[in-house]
Amino acid sequence: MLAKALSLALLSALSANAYAQSTAAIEAPSNTSVAETKPAEAKPFKLPLTLGYTGIFFGPELIDPSADWTPAAAMGNFSDSRTQDALVVRHTLSVGKNFNNGLALSANLYFDTAMTDPAGNGKTRGFFWLDSYLKLAKTGLVDTKLGSSSFRLDTQVRAYLPTSLRSRQANTYGSYRFYLNPNITFGNSIFSLTTSNYAMVYAQPQMTNPVDGSTLRQLEFFAGPQLNAQIHPRVNLFFLYEAVVHMDMLGKWDNSQTGLALTDIEPGADIQVTDNITISPFLNWFPALPISTTSLNVSVSASL
């Protein structure tokens, strides 16, 4: 009986020792280096396409900010402006894709929302389609140094669709704009000169508009040099001069028409509120009209 008890005690002691060694072997730290597995960092979400919006408010005269009309040169007769040109916001909604080497393609919806009816005839207030367009743009077609200054030449082509009422009334097939925009930054200064220049060709099936009998346009030329002063990383002051001229289907240029303002001057500022939103208040004056007709305007642009 005593021998049996001693045997059981010996077996228990051996088992406990074996378990302790086994546990120590499992829990003992290894001298072998084991690489830690870190979770992959989440990349910020980026849209596969670019989204953009620009809205330009064409406002009243500086001397009469409560007026319900805006000065404009399009009708050629300044006296008509008070009854024809409503306060309006011009909108551009764009969806595009940026490619390598400064190439970008976008589709752009283009329309007006008129907020007043100065004529009181119910025809000037509301939503109005303009000719929407497809745009292919190339930034840095030429990008080089001119001494201590930087020179860049940008270009773009736009194909306008006949989505406006006037284009549909005239049975227009559309129109095409071809841009060449040279830009120069003067050394290490805050000053630069940017330009927007284009030639536009209208695809007209006939000479006149069948609705009102007016002669349709054939060509348009535009030049817009702008002097800039970057006074702050988010604030740019500018002085823009614009000139435009048209030729109709009869070969007549509209610079021969009296009272038609073909040039305008726009001093203003670009204020970058965030990385994606810019607000640009500016004045507009047609030199062919009295300086008292200088108007208050503002542009807002946003992008994603």
C-alpha atoms as a PDB file:
ATOM      1  CA  MET A   1       0.000   0.000   0.000  1.00  0.00           C
ATOM      2  CA  LEU A   2       2.851   2.401   0.888  1.00  0.00           C
ATOM      3  CA  ALA A   3       4.677   1.503  -2.319  1.00  0.00           C
ATOM      4  CA  LYS A   4       1.583   2.281  -4.374  1.00  0.00           C
ATOM      5  CA  ALA A   5       1.191   5.704  -2.713  1.00  0.00           C
ATOM      6  CA  LEU A   6       4.850   6.560  -3.363  1.00  0.00           C
ATOM      7  CA  SER A   7       4.485   5.574  -7.012  1.00  0.00           C
ATOM      8  CA  LEU A   8       1.459   7.849  -7.463  1.00  0.00           C
ATOM      9  CA  ALA A   9       3.248  10.792  -5.820  1.00  0.00           C
ATOM     10  CA  LEU A  10       6.278  10.323  -8.071  1.00  0.00           C
ATOM     11  CA  LEU A  11       4.134  10.230 -11.217  1.00  0.00           C
ATOM     12  CA  SER A  12       2.306  13.412 -10.148  1.00  0.00           C
ATOM     13  CA  ALA A  13       5.562  15.259  -9.573  1.00  0.00           C
ATOM     14  CA  LEU A  14       6.953  14.222 -12.962  1.00  0.00           C
ATOM     15  CA  SER A  15       3.753  15.285 -14.733  1.00  0.00           C
ATOM     16  CA  ALA A  16       3.744  18.702 -13.056  1.00  0.00           C
ATOM     17  CA  ASN A  17       7.381  19.296 -14.008  1.00  0.00           C
ATOM     18  CA  ALA A  18       6.748  18.322 -17.607  1.00  0.00           C
ATOM     19  CA  TYR A  19       3.718  20.669 -17.818  1.00  0.00           C
ATOM     20  CA  ALA A  20       5.727  23.553 -16.360  1.00  0.00           C
ATOM     21  CA  GLN A  21       8.517  23.069 -18.928  1.00  0.00           C
ATOM     22  CA  SER A  22       6.007  22.842 -21.746  1.00  0.00           C
ATOM     23  CA  THR A  23       4.280  26.040 -20.631  1.00  0.00           C
ATOM     24  CA  ALA A  24       7.590  27.871 -20.275  1.00  0.00           C
ATOM     25  CA  ALA A  25       8.597  26.801 -23.747  1.00  0.00           C
ATOM     26  CA  ILE A  26       5.369  28.216 -25.143  1.00  0.00           C
ATOM     27  CA  GLU A  27       5.430  31.485 -23.201  1.00  0.00           C
ATOM     28  CA  ALA A  28       9.161  32.188 -23.431  1.00  0.00           C
ATOM     29  CA  PRO A  29       9.967  35.087 -25.786  1.00  0.00           C
ATOM     30  CA  SER A  30      11.612  34.073 -29.027  1.00  0.00           C
ATOM     31  CA  ASN A  31      14.928  35.550 -30.126  1.00  0.00           C
ATOM     32  CA  THR A  32      13.712  35.352 -33.744  1.00  0.00           C
ATOM     33  CA  SER A  33      12.564  38.736 -35.149  1.00  0.00           C
ATOM     34  CA  VAL A  34       8.991  38.782 -36.435  1.00  0.00           C
ATOM     35  CA  ALA A  35       7.923  41.646 -38.739  1.00  0.00           C
ATOM     36  CA  GLU A  36       4.904  43.550 -37.470  1.00  0.00           C
ATOM     37  CA  THR A  37       1.962  43.699 -39.889  1.00  0.00           C
ATOM     38  CA  LYS A  38       0.605  47.253 -40.166  1.00  0.00           C
ATOM     39  CA  PRO A  39      -2.811  47.960 -41.630  1.00  0.00           C
ATOM     40  CA  ALA A  40      -2.677  49.615 -45.064  1.00  0.00           C
ATOM     41  CA  GLU A  41      -3.225  53.366 -44.905  1.00  0.00           C
ATOM     42  CA  ALA A  42      -6.526  54.428 -46.427  1.00  0.00           C
ATOM     43  CA  LYS A  43      -6.029  56.626 -49.486  1.00  0.00           C
ATOM     44  CA  PRO A  44      -8.217  59.727 -49.705  1.00  0.00           C
ATOM     45  CA  PHE A  45     -11.167  59.290 -52.046  1.00  0.00           C
ATOM     46  CA  LYS A  46     -10.679  60.979 -55.378  1.00  0.00           C
ATOM     47  CA  LEU A  47     -13.367  61.419 -57.985  1.00  0.00           C
ATOM     48  CA  PRO A  48     -12.526  59.852 -61.359  1.00  0.00           C
ATOM     49  CA  LEU A  49     -13.928  62.991 -63.009  1.00  0.00           C
ATOM     50  CA  THR A  50     -13.618  66.711 -62.299  1.00  0.00           C
ATOM     51  CA  LEU A  51     -16.709  68.716 -61.418  1.00  0.00           C
ATOM     52  CA  GLY A  52     -16.843  72.482 -61.832  1.00  0.00           C
ATOM     53  CA  TYR A  53     -19.215  75.400 -61.544  1.00  0.00           C
ATOM     54  CA  THR A  54     -18.914  79.059 -62.495  1.00  0.00           C
ATOM     55  CA  GLY A  55     -21.610  81.650 -61.907  1.00  0.00           C
ATOM     56  CA  ILE A  56     -21.306  85.278 -63.034  1.00  0.00           C
ATOM     57  CA  PHE A  57     -23.776  87.842 -61.718  1.00  0.00           C
ATOM     58  CA  PHE A  58     -24.180  90.814 -64.069  1.00  0.00           C
ATOM     59  CA  GLY A  59     -25.437  93.520 -61.765  1.00  0.00           C
ATOM     60  CA  PRO A  60     -26.758  97.074 -61.812  1.00  0.00           C
ATOM     61  CA  GLU A  61     -24.984 100.382 -62.265  1.00  0.00           C
ATOM     62  CA  LEU A  62     -22.520 101.384 -59.580  1.00  0.00           C
ATOM     63  CA  ILE A  63     -24.413 104.658 -59.076  1.00  0.00           C
ATOM     64  CA  ASP A  64     -27.784 102.882 -58.779  1.00  0.00           C
ATOM     65  CA  PRO A  65     -27.310  99.519 -57.012  1.00  0.00           C
ATOM     66  CA  SER A  66     -31.067  99.100 -56.511  1.00  0.00           C
ATOM     67  CA  ALA A  67     -31.801  99.178 -60.263  1.00  0.00           C
ATOM     68  CA  ASP A  68     -33.453  96.116 -61.834  1.00  0.00           C
ATOM     69  CA  TRP A  69     -31.443  96.238 -65.074  1.00  0.00           C
ATOM     70  CA  THR A  70     -27.799  95.946 -66.096  1.00  0.00           C
ATOM     71  CA  PRO A  71     -25.969  97.980 -68.769  1.00  0.00           C
ATOM     72  CA  ALA A  72     -25.014  95.916 -71.826  1.00  0.00           C
ATOM     73  CA  ALA A  73     -23.631  96.549 -75.266  1.00  0.00           C
ATOM     74  CA  ALA A  74     -25.311  93.772 -77.212  1.00  0.00           C
ATOM     75  CA  MET A  75     -28.306  95.705 -78.531  1.00  0.00           C
ATOM     76  CA  GLY A  76     -26.307  98.637 -79.816  1.00  0.00           C
ATOM     77  CA  ASN A  77     -28.816 101.198 -78.574  1.00  0.00           C
ATOM     78  CA  PHE A  78     -28.161 102.230 -74.987  1.00  0.00           C
ATOM     79  CA  SER A  79     -31.683 103.598 -74.493  1.00  0.00           C
ATOM     80  CA  ASP A  80     -33.068 100.064 -74.982  1.00  0.00           C
ATOM     81  CA  SER A  81     -30.874  98.675 -72.205  1.00  0.00           C
ATOM     82  CA  ARG A  82     -33.159  99.944 -69.462  1.00  0.00           C
ATOM     83  CA  THR A  83     -36.033  97.822 -70.762  1.00  0.00           C
ATOM     84  CA  GLN A  84     -34.207  94.779 -72.125  1.00  0.00           C
ATOM     85  CA  ASP A  85     -31.311  93.744 -69.932  1.00  0.00           C
ATOM     86  CA  ALA A  86     -32.417  92.064 -66.736  1.00  0.00           C
ATOM     87  CA  LEU A  87     -30.131  91.322 -63.802  1.00  0.00           C
ATOM     88  CA  VAL A  88     -28.824  87.889 -64.706  1.00  0.00           C
ATOM     89  CA  VAL A  89     -26.602  85.083 -63.473  1.00  0.00           C
ATOM     90  CA  ARG A  90     -24.709  83.178 -66.166  1.00  0.00           C
ATOM     91  CA  HIS A  91     -23.976  79.588 -65.165  1.00  0.00           C
ATOM     92  CA  THR A  92     -21.517  76.983 -66.406  1.00  0.00           C
ATOM     93  CA  LEU A  93     -21.715  73.425 -65.036  1.00  0.00           C
ATOM     94  CA  SER A  94     -18.889  71.180 -66.186  1.00  0.00           C
ATOM     95  CA  VAL A  95     -17.954  67.511 -65.933  1.00  0.00           C
ATOM     96  CA  GLY A  96     -14.526  66.577 -67.219  1.00  0.00           C
ATOM     97  CA  LYS A  97     -11.489  64.363 -67.171  1.00  0.00           C
ATOM     98  CA  ASN A  98      -7.875  65.447 -66.755  1.00  0.00           C
ATOM     99  CA  PHE A  99      -5.267  63.464 -68.651  1.00  0.00           C
ATOM    100  CA  ASN A 100      -1.481  63.520 -68.629  1.00  0.00           C
ATOM    101  CA  ASN A 101       0.588  66.442 -69.927  1.00  0.00           C
ATOM    102  CA  GLY A 102      -2.001  69.136 -69.183  1.00  0.00           C
ATOM    103  CA  LEU A 103      -4.733  67.736 -71.450  1.00  0.00           C
ATOM    104  CA  ALA A 104      -8.364  67.985 -70.283  1.00  0.00           C
ATOM    105  CA  LEU A 105     -11.746  67.153 -71.830  1.00  0.00           C
ATOM    106  CA  SER A 106     -15.056  68.461 -70.458  1.00  0.00           C
ATOM    107  CA  ALA A 107     -18.762  68.772 -71.205  1.00  0.00           C
ATOM    108  CA  ASN A 108     -20.277  72.125 -70.178  1.00  0.00           C
ATOM    109  CA  LEU A 109     -23.905  73.093 -69.633  1.00  0.00           C
ATOM    110  CA  TYR A 110     -24.337  76.824 -70.266  1.00  0.00           C
ATOM    111  CA  PHE A 111     -27.422  78.825 -69.257  1.00  0.00           C
ATOM    112  CA  ASP A 112     -28.776  82.080 -67.811  1.00  0.00           C
ATOM    113  CA  THR A 113     -31.168  82.735 -64.969  1.00  0.00           C
ATOM    114  CA  ALA A 114     -32.651  86.230 -65.265  1.00  0.00           C
ATOM    115  CA  MET A 115     -33.925  87.581 -61.945  1.00  0.00           C
ATOM    116  CA  THR A 116     -35.751  90.749 -62.983  1.00  0.00           C
ATOM    117  CA  ASP A 117     -38.167  91.882 -65.671  1.00  0.00           C
ATOM    118  CA  PRO A 118     -37.381  95.555 -66.365  1.00  0.00           C
ATOM    119  CA  ALA A 119     -39.532  95.567 -69.489  1.00  0.00           C
ATOM    120  CA  GLY A 120     -42.541  94.303 -67.517  1.00  0.00           C
ATOM    121  CA  ASN A 121     -43.530  91.998 -70.379  1.00  0.00           C
ATOM    122  CA  GLY A 122     -42.745  88.670 -68.730  1.00  0.00           C
ATOM    123  CA  LYS A 123     -40.145  87.791 -71.358  1.00  0.00           C
ATOM    124  CA  THR A 124     -36.874  88.675 -69.651  1.00  0.00           C
ATOM    125  CA  ARG A 125     -37.232  86.823 -66.327  1.00  0.00           C
ATOM    126  CA  GLY A 126     -36.612  83.092 -66.054  1.00  0.00           C
ATOM    127  CA  PHE A 127     -34.354  80.275 -67.238  1.00  0.00           C
ATOM    128  CA  PHE A 128     -32.707  80.503 -70.660  1.00  0.00           C
ATOM    129  CA  TRP A 129     -30.447  77.947 -72.297  1.00  0.00           C
ATOM    130  CA  LEU A 130     -27.300  79.249 -73.972  1.00  0.00           C
ATOM    131  CA  ASP A 131     -25.250  77.135 -76.383  1.00  0.00           C
ATOM    132  CA  SER A 132     -23.679  74.394 -74.273  1.00  0.00           C
ATOM    133  CA  TYR A 133     -20.329  73.046 -75.408  1.00  0.00           C
ATOM    134  CA  LEU A 134     -17.618  70.396 -75.373  1.00  0.00           C
ATOM    135  CA  LYS A 135     -14.102  71.605 -74.564  1.00  0.00           C
ATOM    136  CA  LEU A 136     -10.689  70.100 -75.218  1.00  0.00           C
ATOM    137  CA  ALA A 137      -7.945  72.099 -73.478  1.00  0.00           C
ATOM    138  CA  LYS A 138      -4.174  71.826 -73.405  1.00  0.00           C
ATOM    139  CA  THR A 139      -2.190  73.646 -70.693  1.00  0.00           C
ATOM    140  CA  GLY A 140       1.473  74.297 -71.435  1.00  0.00           C
ATOM    141  CA  LEU A 141       1.557  73.707 -75.163  1.00  0.00           C
ATOM    142  CA  VAL A 142       4.679  75.844 -74.843  1.00  0.00           C
ATOM    143  CA  ASP A 143       6.273  76.300 -71.416  1.00  0.00           C
ATOM    144  CA  THR A 144       9.632  78.034 -71.314  1.00  0.00           C
ATOM    145  CA  LYS A 145      11.785  80.833 -69.899  1.00  0.00           C
ATOM    146  CA  LEU A 146      12.231  84.253 -71.447  1.00  0.00           C
ATOM    147  CA  GLY A 147      15.200  85.604 -69.527  1.00  0.00           C
ATOM    148  CA  SER A 148      14.066  85.782 -65.924  1.00  0.00           C
ATOM    149  CA  SER A 149      10.377  85.601 -66.930  1.00  0.00           C
ATOM    150  CA  SER A 150       8.221  82.515 -67.466  1.00  0.00           C
ATOM    151  CA  PHE A 151       6.199  82.063 -70.665  1.00  0.00           C
ATOM    152  CA  ARG A 152       3.390  79.583 -71.241  1.00  0.00           C
ATOM    153  CA  LEU A 153       1.068  79.083 -74.199  1.00  0.00           C
ATOM    154  CA  ASP A 154      -2.270  77.374 -73.555  1.00  0.00           C
ATOM    155  CA  THR A 155      -4.828  76.352 -76.136  1.00  0.00           C
ATOM    156  CA  GLN A 156      -8.332  74.931 -76.334  1.00  0.00           C
ATOM    157  CA  VAL A 157     -11.056  74.029 -78.810  1.00  0.00           C
ATOM    158  CA  ARG A 158     -14.760  74.328 -78.060  1.00  0.00           C
ATOM    159  CA  ALA A 159     -17.632  72.824 -80.026  1.00  0.00           C
ATOM    160  CA  TYR A 160     -20.901  74.634 -79.235  1.00  0.00           C
ATOM    161  CA  LEU A 161     -24.211  72.844 -79.630  1.00  0.00           C
ATOM    162  CA  PRO A 162     -27.359  74.712 -80.793  1.00  0.00           C
ATOM    163  CA  THR A 163     -29.156  74.503 -77.440  1.00  0.00           C
ATOM    164  CA  SER A 164     -30.155  78.198 -77.138  1.00  0.00           C
ATOM    165  CA  LEU A 165     -33.512  79.412 -78.401  1.00  0.00           C
ATOM    166  CA  ARG A 166     -31.922  81.737 -80.946  1.00  0.00           C
ATOM    167  CA  SER A 167     -29.716  78.981 -82.380  1.00  0.00           C
ATOM    168  CA  ARG A 168     -32.677  76.634 -82.676  1.00  0.00           C
ATOM    169  CA  GLN A 169     -34.792  79.337 -84.313  1.00  0.00           C
ATOM    170  CA  ALA A 170     -32.021  79.958 -86.848  1.00  0.00           C
ATOM    171  CA  ASN A 171     -31.555  76.208 -87.439  1.00  0.00           C
ATOM    172  CA  THR A 172     -27.869  76.708 -86.674  1.00  0.00           C
ATOM    173  CA  TYR A 173     -25.711  73.583 -86.783  1.00  0.00           C
ATOM    174  CA  GLY A 174     -23.449  74.910 -84.021  1.00  0.00           C
ATOM    175  CA  SER A 175     -20.229  76.877 -83.744  1.00  0.00           C
ATOM    176  CA  TYR A 176     -16.545  76.313 -82.990  1.00  0.00           C
ATOM    177  CA  ARG A 177     -14.030  78.355 -80.977  1.00  0.00           C
ATOM    178  CA  PHE A 178     -10.267  78.067 -81.311  1.00  0.00           C
ATOM    179  CA  TYR A 179      -8.171  79.591 -78.505  1.00  0.00           C
ATOM    180  CA  LEU A 180      -4.506  80.595 -78.255  1.00  0.00           C
ATOM    181  CA  ASN A 181      -3.709  82.063 -74.849  1.00  0.00           C
ATOM    182  CA  PRO A 182      -0.144  83.288 -74.195  1.00  0.00           C
ATOM    183  CA  ASN A 183       0.720  84.049 -70.550  1.00  0.00           C
ATOM    184  CA  ILE A 184       3.844  85.552 -69.021  1.00  0.00           C
ATOM    185  CA  THR A 185       5.009  85.972 -65.415  1.00  0.00           C
ATOM    186  CA  PHE A 186       7.514  88.778 -65.021  1.00  0.00           C
ATOM    187  CA  GLY A 187      10.575  87.444 -63.199  1.00  0.00           C
ATOM    188  CA  ASN A 188      10.054  86.963 -59.483  1.00  0.00           C
ATOM    189  CA  SER A 189       7.606  89.855 -59.245  1.00  0.00           C
ATOM    190  CA  ILE A 190       3.929  89.718 -58.324  1.00  0.00           C
ATOM    191  CA  PHE A 191       2.955  90.794 -61.841  1.00  0.00           C
ATOM    192  CA  SER A 192       1.833  88.649 -64.751  1.00  0.00           C
ATOM    193  CA  LEU A 193      -0.005  89.059 -68.047  1.00  0.00           C
ATOM    194  CA  THR A 194      -2.619  86.468 -69.021  1.00  0.00           C
ATOM    195  CA  THR A 195      -4.703  86.532 -72.175  1.00  0.00           C
ATOM    196  CA  SER A 196      -7.730  84.853 -73.697  1.00  0.00           C
ATOM    197  CA  ASN A 197      -7.943  85.052 -77.494  1.00  0.00           C
ATOM    198  CA  TYR A 198     -10.165  83.139 -79.858  1.00  0.00           C
ATOM    199  CA  ALA A 199     -11.601  82.904 -83.329  1.00  0.00           C
ATOM    200  CA  MET A 200     -15.139  81.545 -83.644  1.00  0.00           C
ATOM    201  CA  VAL A 201     -16.784  80.053 -86.717  1.00  0.00           C
ATOM    202  CA  TYR A 202     -20.564  79.617 -86.995  1.00  0.00           C
ATOM    203  CA  ALA A 203     -22.045  76.754 -89.008  1.00  0.00           C
ATOM    204  CA  GLN A 204     -25.112  78.418 -90.521  1.00  0.00           C
ATOM    205  CA  PRO A 205     -27.420  76.717 -93.019  1.00  0.00           C
ATOM    206  CA  GLN A 206     -28.834  80.037 -94.280  1.00  0.00           C
ATOM    207  CA  MET A 207     -28.148  83.763 -94.413  1.00  0.00           C
ATOM    208  CA  THR A 208     -30.903  85.071 -92.146  1.00  0.00           C
ATOM    209  CA  ASN A 209     -32.884  84.090 -89.084  1.00  0.00           C
ATOM    210  CA  PRO A 210     -36.292  82.884 -90.350  1.00  0.00           C
ATOM    211  CA  VAL A 211     -38.015  84.234 -87.211  1.00  0.00           C
ATOM    212  CA  ASP A 212     -36.936  87.887 -87.195  1.00  0.00           C
ATOM    213  CA  GLY A 213     -35.140  88.237 -90.561  1.00  0.00           C
ATOM    214  CA  SER A 214     -31.851  89.353 -88.969  1.00  0.00           C
ATOM    215  CA  THR A 215     -28.599  88.443 -90.749  1.00  0.00           C
ATOM    216  CA  LEU A 216     -26.822  85.584 -88.997  1.00  0.00           C
ATOM    217  CA  ARG A 217     -23.237  85.696 -87.773  1.00  0.00           C
ATOM    218  CA  GLN A 218     -20.429  83.961 -89.612  1.00  0.00           C
ATOM    219  CA  LEU A 219     -17.238  84.850 -87.689  1.00  0.00           C
ATOM    220  CA  GLU A 220     -16.260  86.260 -84.286  1.00  0.00           C
ATOM    221  CA  PHE A 221     -12.859  87.404 -83.021  1.00  0.00           C
ATOM    222  CA  PHE A 222     -12.065  88.139 -79.386  1.00  0.00           C
ATOM    223  CA  ALA A 223      -9.007  89.352 -77.452  1.00  0.00           C
ATOM    224  CA  GLY A 224      -8.779  89.743 -73.687  1.00  0.00           C
ATOM    225  CA  PRO A 225      -5.419  90.726 -72.166  1.00  0.00           C
ATOM    226  CA  GLN A 226      -5.399  90.835 -68.357  1.00  0.00           C
ATOM    227  CA  LEU A 227      -2.749  92.366 -66.076  1.00  0.00           C
ATOM    228  CA  ASN A 228      -2.471  90.643 -62.679  1.00  0.00           C
ATOM    229  CA  ALA A 229      -0.892  91.516 -59.333  1.00  0.00           C
ATOM    230  CA  GLN A 230      -0.686  88.590 -56.890  1.00  0.00           C
ATOM    231  CA  ILE A 231      -0.621  90.617 -53.671  1.00  0.00           C
ATOM    232  CA  HIS A 232      -1.297  87.587 -51.449  1.00  0.00           C
ATOM    233  CA  PRO A 233      -1.205  83.798 -52.014  1.00  0.00           C
ATOM    234  CA  ARG A 234      -5.011  83.885 -52.089  1.00  0.00           C
ATOM    235  CA  VAL A 235      -5.671  87.369 -53.513  1.00  0.00           C
ATOM    236  CA  ASN A 236      -5.041  88.497 -57.100  1.00  0.00           C
ATOM    237  CA  LEU A 237      -5.884  91.976 -58.380  1.00  0.00           C
ATOM    238  CA  PHE A 238      -6.594  92.226 -62.111  1.00  0.00           C
ATOM    239  CA  PHE A 239      -7.306  94.719 -64.864  1.00  0.00           C
ATOM    240  CA  LEU A 240      -8.982  93.130 -67.894  1.00  0.00           C
ATOM    241  CA  TYR A 241      -9.545  94.688 -71.322  1.00  0.00           C
ATOM    242  CA  GLU A 242     -11.866  92.884 -73.748  1.00  0.00           C
ATOM    243  CA  ALA A 243     -12.513  93.507 -77.430  1.00  0.00           C
ATOM    244  CA  VAL A 244     -14.806  91.575 -79.763  1.00  0.00           C
ATOM    245  CA  VAL A 245     -15.906  91.943 -83.359  1.00  0.00           C
ATOM    246  CA  HIS A 246     -18.275  89.922 -85.572  1.00  0.00           C
ATOM    247  CA  MET A 247     -18.787  89.401 -89.274  1.00  0.00           C
ATOM    248  CA  ASP A 248     -22.224  88.413 -90.546  1.00  0.00           C
ATOM    249  CA  MET A 249     -23.138  86.138 -93.446  1.00  0.00           C
ATOM    250  CA  LEU A 250     -23.143  89.136 -95.800  1.00  0.00           C
ATOM    251  CA  GLY A 251     -19.528  89.945 -94.927  1.00  0.00           C
ATOM    252  CA  LYS A 252     -20.437  93.011 -92.864  1.00  0.00           C
ATOM    253  CA  TRP A 253     -18.440  93.732 -89.688  1.00  0.00           C
ATOM    254  CA  ASP A 254     -20.359  95.080 -86.692  1.00  0.00           C
ATOM    255  CA  ASN A 255     -17.675  97.685 -85.941  1.00  0.00           C
ATOM    256  CA  SER A 256     -19.396  99.730 -88.641  1.00  0.00           C
ATOM    257  CA  GLN A 257     -22.555  99.940 -86.524  1.00  0.00           C
ATOM    258  CA  THR A 258     -22.967 103.108 -84.481  1.00  0.00           C
ATOM    259  CA  GLY A 259     -23.702 102.837 -80.777  1.00  0.00           C
ATOM    260  CA  LEU A 260     -22.466  99.273 -80.436  1.00  0.00           C
ATOM    261  CA  ALA A 261     -19.864  98.854 -77.686  1.00  0.00           C
ATOM    262  CA  LEU A 262     -17.243  96.355 -78.831  1.00  0.00           C
ATOM    263  CA  THR A 263     -14.834  96.805 -75.928  1.00  0.00           C
ATOM    264  CA  ASP A 264     -15.117  96.790 -72.151  1.00  0.00           C
ATOM    265  CA  ILE A 265     -12.845  97.284 -69.132  1.00  0.00           C
ATOM    266  CA  GLU A 266     -13.036  95.139 -65.986  1.00  0.00           C
ATOM    267  CA  PRO A 267     -10.981  95.893 -62.856  1.00  0.00           C
ATOM    268  CA  GLY A 268     -11.462  93.401 -60.028  1.00  0.00           C
ATOM    269  CA  ALA A 269     -10.013  90.853 -57.627  1.00  0.00           C
ATOM    270  CA  ASP A 270      -9.852  87.065 -57.365  1.00  0.00           C
ATOM    271  CA  ILE A 271     -10.229  85.978 -53.737  1.00  0.00           C
ATOM    272  CA  GLN A 272      -9.510  82.305 -53.088  1.00  0.00           C
ATOM    273  CA  VAL A 273     -11.773  81.537 -50.130  1.00  0.00           C
ATOM    274  CA  THR A 274     -10.758  77.855 -50.000  1.00  0.00           C
ATOM    275  CA  ASP A 275      -8.650  75.612 -52.219  1.00  0.00           C
ATOM    276  CA  ASN A 276     -11.793  74.893 -54.252  1.00  0.00           C
ATOM    277  CA  ILE A 277     -13.793  78.144 -54.144  1.00  0.00           C
ATOM    278  CA  THR A 278     -12.896  81.541 -55.628  1.00  0.00           C
ATOM    279  CA  ILE A 279     -14.983  84.724 -55.477  1.00  0.00           C
ATOM    280  CA  SER A 280     -14.213  87.531 -57.934  1.00  0.00           C
ATOM    281  CA  PRO A 281     -15.960  90.900 -57.523  1.00  0.00           C
ATOM    282  CA  PHE A 282     -15.368  93.236 -60.483  1.00  0.00           C
ATOM    283  CA  LEU A 283     -16.599  96.363 -62.222  1.00  0.00           C
ATOM    284  CA  ASN A 284     -17.512  96.543 -65.899  1.00  0.00           C
ATOM    285  CA  TRP A 285     -17.536  99.597 -68.146  1.00  0.00           C
ATOM    286  CA  PHE A 286     -18.150  99.817 -71.891  1.00  0.00           C
ATOM    287  CA  PRO A 287     -16.053 102.810 -73.066  1.00  0.00           C
ATOM    288  CA  ALA A 288     -18.615 103.512 -75.796  1.00  0.00           C
ATOM    289  CA  LEU A 289     -21.176 104.214 -73.058  1.00  0.00           C
ATOM    290  CA  PRO A 290     -21.096 106.892 -70.333  1.00  0.00           C
ATOM    291  CA  ILE A 291     -18.796 106.027 -67.430  1.00  0.00           C
ATOM    292  CA  SER A 292     -21.820 106.373 -65.179  1.00  0.00           C
ATOM    293  CA  THR A 293     -23.014 103.045 -66.614  1.00  0.00           C
ATOM    294  CA  THR A 294     -20.182 101.175 -64.878  1.00  0.00           C
ATOM    295  CA  SER A 295     -21.777  98.106 -63.320  1.00  0.00           C
ATOM    296  CA  LEU A 296     -21.258  95.924 -60.240  1.00  0.00           C
ATOM    297  CA  ASN A 297     -20.610  92.239 -60.927  1.00  0.00           C
ATOM    298  CA  VAL A 298     -19.307  89.154 -59.155  1.00  0.00           C
ATOM    299  CA  SER A 299     -18.122  85.733 -60.265  1.00  0.00           C
ATOM    300  CA  VAL A 300     -18.030  82.566 -58.154  1.00  0.00           C
ATOM    301  CA  SER A 301     -16.199  79.419 -59.214  1.00  0.00           C
ATOM    302  CA  ALA A 302     -15.955  76.060 -57.466  1.00  0.00           C
ATOM    303  CA  SER A 303     -14.344  72.749 -58.357  1.00  0.00           C
ATOM    304  CA  LEU A 304     -13.972  69.189 -57.091  1.00  0.00           C
END
